Amino acid sequence: MRILDKEKIPYTPHFYEHEDGKIDGIAVAEKLGQPLPQVFKTLVTQGADHAYYVFAVPVAEELDLKAAARSVEAKSVEMIHVKDINKVTGYIRGGCSPVGMKKQFTTVFDETALLYDTIFVSGGKIGTQVQLSIQNLLKLTGGTTADIIVHC
């Protein structure tokens, strides 16, 4: 949120109780009373080229690793281990935001984000979400959008 304030990007903070340990994306969306497709989780991957890539998808969806790799022109990508999240991003599991990582990695949002005036992403710590426009998120992260979720 400090970064959003510094860049003068409008956002709405939302806070939720997390003492019950339920910090997965679906639980967070339900606690906030927000539609699942509008609440995004941030996933960090590493490509065959050893570069890190960040993907944001709706909380009830699964990242399609092949589509994700195509979207960043990598041979393949795989999820990083939970134990490596802090070392790579500076965040912890459940509080990983596409904004404000230690380094700005290539970031791709699922194209469904374009359907909404605003989406929700982590505010950088457990118990905090921020609501803002995908256009501002794209500008801030240098991100793009692509079809990166698994379709049945």
Protein backbone atom coordinates (compact mmCIF):
# COMPACT_ATOMS: atom_id res chain seq x y z
CA MET A 1 0.00 0.00 0.00
CA ARG A 2 2.99 2.31 0.58
CA ILE A 3 3.95 1.85 -3.06
CA LEU A 4 0.40 2.57 -4.23
CA ASP A 5 0.33 5.72 -2.06
CA LYS A 6 3.74 6.83 -3.34
CA GLU A 7 2.64 6.35 -6.96
CA LYS A 8 -0.68 8.09 -6.23
CA ILE A 9 -2.62 5.08 -7.46
CA PRO A 10 -6.17 4.92 -6.11
CA TYR A 11 -7.08 1.74 -4.24
CA THR A 12 -9.39 0.55 -1.50
CA PRO A 13 -7.88 -1.50 1.33
CA HIS A 14 -9.83 -4.44 2.74
CA PHE A 15 -8.98 -6.31 5.92
CA TYR A 16 -10.03 -9.76 7.09
CA GLU A 17 -9.58 -11.87 10.20
CA HIS A 18 -7.01 -14.62 9.76
CA GLU A 19 -6.54 -16.03 13.26
CA ASP A 20 -8.54 -19.09 12.15
CA GLY A 21 -5.67 -19.94 9.77
CA LYS A 22 -7.95 -19.84 6.72
CA ILE A 23 -5.86 -17.72 4.37
CA ASP A 24 -6.37 -19.51 1.06
CA GLY A 25 -7.79 -17.37 -1.72
CA ILE A 26 -11.30 -18.81 -1.63
CA ALA A 27 -11.57 -18.31 2.15
CA VAL A 28 -10.31 -14.73 1.78
CA ALA A 29 -12.85 -13.92 -0.97
CA GLU A 30 -15.64 -15.36 1.17
CA LYS A 31 -14.51 -13.40 4.24
CA LEU A 32 -14.55 -10.21 2.16
CA GLY A 33 -17.90 -11.08 0.59
CA GLN A 34 -16.43 -10.67 -2.90
CA PRO A 35 -17.08 -12.74 -6.05
CA LEU A 36 -14.43 -15.43 -6.55
CA PRO A 37 -13.62 -14.42 -10.16
CA GLN A 38 -12.72 -10.89 -9.02
CA VAL A 39 -10.25 -11.92 -6.29
CA PHE A 40 -6.81 -12.87 -7.62
CA LYS A 41 -4.03 -14.94 -6.11
CA THR A 42 -0.38 -14.31 -6.90
CA LEU A 43 1.69 -17.31 -7.98
CA VAL A 44 5.46 -17.32 -8.44
CA THR A 45 7.14 -19.67 -10.87
CA GLN A 46 10.59 -20.34 -12.21
CA GLY A 47 11.21 -20.99 -15.87
CA ALA A 48 13.50 -23.51 -17.52
CA ASP A 49 15.68 -20.43 -18.14
CA HIS A 50 15.93 -20.01 -14.30
CA ALA A 51 14.11 -16.65 -14.47
CA TYR A 52 11.22 -16.01 -12.09
CA TYR A 53 7.76 -15.21 -13.43
CA VAL A 54 4.69 -13.98 -11.56
CA PHE A 55 1.15 -14.94 -12.52
CA ALA A 56 -2.10 -13.67 -11.02
CA VAL A 57 -5.23 -15.76 -11.50
CA PRO A 58 -8.71 -15.81 -9.93
CA VAL A 59 -8.55 -17.62 -6.58
CA ALA A 60 -10.82 -20.50 -7.62
CA GLU A 61 -8.85 -21.18 -10.80
CA GLU A 62 -5.70 -23.16 -11.50
CA LEU A 63 -2.70 -21.84 -13.41
CA ASP A 64 -2.16 -23.61 -16.73
CA LEU A 65 1.63 -24.01 -16.65
CA LYS A 66 1.93 -24.53 -20.41
CA ALA A 67 -0.19 -21.45 -21.21
CA ALA A 68 1.75 -19.48 -18.58
CA ALA A 69 5.06 -20.47 -20.17
CA ARG A 70 3.79 -19.46 -23.62
CA SER A 71 2.66 -16.09 -22.25
CA VAL A 72 6.23 -15.25 -21.16
CA GLU A 73 7.91 -17.04 -24.09
CA ALA A 74 9.58 -19.57 -21.80
CA LYS A 75 10.13 -23.22 -22.63
CA SER A 76 8.40 -24.19 -19.38
CA VAL A 77 7.61 -22.85 -15.92
CA GLU A 78 7.00 -24.57 -12.60
CA MET A 79 5.79 -23.32 -9.24
CA ILE A 80 8.53 -22.41 -6.78
CA HIS A 81 8.58 -24.19 -3.42
CA VAL A 82 6.70 -22.45 -0.60
CA LYS A 83 9.95 -22.29 1.38
CA ASP A 84 11.48 -20.13 -1.37
CA ILE A 85 8.68 -17.52 -1.59
CA ASN A 86 10.20 -15.17 0.99
CA LYS A 87 13.71 -15.45 -0.40
CA VAL A 88 12.54 -14.69 -3.96
CA THR A 89 9.78 -12.13 -3.34
CA GLY A 90 10.20 -10.73 0.16
CA TYR A 91 6.65 -11.90 0.94
CA ILE A 92 5.30 -14.91 2.81
CA ARG A 93 2.74 -17.47 1.61
CA GLY A 94 -0.71 -15.94 1.94
CA GLY A 95 0.62 -12.40 1.69
CA CYS A 96 2.29 -12.41 -1.72
CA SER A 97 1.31 -9.41 -3.84
CA PRO A 98 2.19 -8.70 -7.49
CA VAL A 99 3.21 -5.23 -6.29
CA GLY A 100 6.36 -4.54 -4.30
CA MET A 101 8.39 -7.71 -4.64
CA LYS A 102 12.14 -7.52 -3.96
CA LYS A 103 12.59 -7.32 -7.72
CA GLN A 104 10.07 -6.59 -10.47
CA PHE A 105 9.59 -9.89 -12.26
CA THR A 106 7.73 -10.43 -15.52
CA THR A 107 4.08 -10.40 -14.42
CA VAL A 108 1.02 -11.75 -16.23
CA PHE A 109 -2.59 -11.42 -15.07
CA ASP A 110 -5.25 -13.77 -16.35
CA GLU A 111 -7.21 -11.98 -19.05
CA THR A 112 -10.45 -12.33 -17.06
CA ALA A 113 -9.18 -9.39 -14.95
CA LEU A 114 -10.15 -7.17 -17.89
CA LEU A 115 -13.82 -8.01 -17.28
CA TYR A 116 -13.91 -5.97 -14.04
CA ASP A 117 -13.53 -2.30 -13.18
CA THR A 118 -11.42 -3.41 -10.20
CA ILE A 119 -9.90 -6.62 -8.90
CA PHE A 120 -8.57 -7.66 -5.50
CA VAL A 121 -4.97 -8.70 -4.84
CA SER A 122 -2.98 -9.21 -1.68
CA GLY A 123 -2.00 -6.06 0.16
CA GLY A 124 1.39 -7.62 0.95
CA LYS A 125 0.57 -9.25 4.27
CA ILE A 126 -1.88 -11.78 5.58
CA GLY A 127 -5.16 -10.09 6.52
CA THR A 128 -4.93 -7.36 3.88
CA GLN A 129 -6.27 -7.11 0.34
CA VAL A 130 -6.31 -4.13 -1.98
CA GLN A 131 -8.92 -3.38 -4.63
CA LEU A 132 -7.78 -1.44 -7.68
CA SER A 133 -8.09 -1.28 -11.44
CA ILE A 134 -6.29 -3.81 -13.59
CA GLN A 135 -5.03 -0.91 -15.72
CA ASN A 136 -3.22 0.54 -12.72
CA LEU A 137 -1.86 -2.89 -11.77
CA LEU A 138 -0.58 -3.42 -15.30
CA LYS A 139 1.05 0.02 -15.32
CA LEU A 140 2.63 -0.47 -11.90
CA THR A 141 3.96 -3.98 -12.56
CA GLY A 142 4.75 -3.55 -16.25
CA GLY A 143 2.45 -6.55 -16.58
CA THR A 144 0.42 -8.03 -19.38
CA THR A 145 -2.70 -10.17 -19.63
CA ALA A 146 -3.14 -13.59 -21.23
CA ASP A 147 -5.35 -16.66 -21.02
CA ILE A 148 -3.39 -18.57 -18.36
CA ILE A 149 -5.98 -20.63 -16.47
CA VAL A 150 -6.88 -24.28 -16.88
CA HIS A 151 -10.04 -24.81 -18.91
CA CYS A 152 -11.96 -28.06 -18.45
